[in-house]
Amino acid sequence: MKEIRAKDLRNLSNEDIIKKLKELSSELLNERGLSSMGGAPHNPGKVKSLRRQIARIKTVLREKGVRV
């Protein structure tokens, strides 16, 4: 999965950003569930990447004044 840049997020509409946030949050939930059940993740750095992308999206939404 490709990292999302803040510059690209600022060009999207609020609805698209919120949709992406929900998508990434559910993906993070799945990855955490997999690791908590003792399964080895396919990509160990994916959880960190997902967390950073979610934080980046929340930062952009806050700059725009949108509450999530």
Protein backbone atom coordinates (compact mmCIF):
# COMPACT_ATOMS: atom_id res chain seq x y z
CA MET A 1 0.00 0.00 0.00
CA LYS A 2 1.29 3.42 -0.93
CA GLU A 3 1.74 6.06 1.73
CA ILE A 4 -0.59 9.04 1.50
CA ARG A 5 1.06 12.43 1.56
CA ALA A 6 -0.50 15.34 3.42
CA LYS A 7 -0.24 17.47 0.29
CA ASP A 8 -2.40 14.96 -1.60
CA LEU A 9 -4.90 14.73 1.25
CA ARG A 10 -5.42 18.49 1.27
CA ASN A 11 -6.58 18.31 -2.35
CA LEU A 12 -9.29 15.70 -1.57
CA SER A 13 -12.80 16.51 -0.41
CA ASN A 14 -13.72 16.05 3.24
CA GLU A 15 -15.96 13.08 2.42
CA ASP A 16 -13.16 11.30 0.56
CA ILE A 17 -10.75 11.88 3.43
CA ILE A 18 -13.22 10.52 5.99
CA LYS A 19 -13.86 7.50 3.77
CA LYS A 20 -10.11 6.83 3.58
CA LEU A 21 -9.83 7.20 7.36
CA LYS A 22 -12.52 4.57 7.94
CA GLU A 23 -10.87 2.24 5.42
CA LEU A 24 -7.45 2.53 7.07
CA SER A 25 -8.92 2.16 10.56
CA SER A 26 -10.63 -1.09 9.64
CA GLU A 27 -7.43 -2.35 8.02
CA LEU A 28 -5.48 -1.52 11.20
CA LEU A 29 -8.08 -3.39 13.26
CA ASN A 30 -7.65 -6.45 11.04
CA GLU A 31 -3.85 -6.31 11.30
CA ARG A 32 -3.97 -5.98 15.07
CA GLY A 33 -6.42 -8.85 15.31
CA LEU A 34 -4.15 -11.04 13.23
CA SER A 35 -1.13 -10.29 15.39
CA SER A 36 -3.04 -10.74 18.66
CA MET A 37 -4.12 -14.22 17.61
CA GLY A 38 -0.46 -15.16 17.27
CA GLY A 39 -0.24 -14.92 13.50
CA ALA A 40 2.81 -13.38 11.95
CA PRO A 41 1.99 -10.33 9.85
CA HIS A 42 2.93 -10.41 6.19
CA ASN A 43 4.63 -7.06 6.54
CA PRO A 44 5.83 -6.19 10.06
CA GLY A 45 6.00 -2.46 9.32
CA LYS A 46 2.43 -2.25 8.09
CA VAL A 47 0.92 -1.50 11.51
CA LYS A 48 3.30 1.42 12.00
CA SER A 49 2.56 2.69 8.51
CA LEU A 50 -1.20 2.48 9.06
CA ARG A 51 -0.96 4.32 12.36
CA ARG A 52 1.05 7.11 10.77
CA GLN A 53 -1.34 7.43 7.83
CA ILE A 54 -4.32 7.65 10.20
CA ALA A 55 -2.55 10.35 12.21
CA ARG A 56 -1.75 12.23 9.00
CA ILE A 57 -5.40 12.12 7.92
CA LYS A 58 -6.61 13.31 11.32
CA THR A 59 -4.13 16.18 11.20
CA VAL A 60 -5.36 17.33 7.80
CA LEU A 61 -8.99 17.08 8.92
CA ARG A 62 -8.20 19.16 11.98
CA GLU A 63 -6.50 21.79 9.82
CA LYS A 64 -9.66 21.95 7.71
CA GLY A 65 -11.81 22.29 10.84
CA VAL A 66 -13.68 19.00 10.37
CA ARG A 67 -14.55 17.01 13.47
CA VAL A 68 -14.44 13.24 13.23
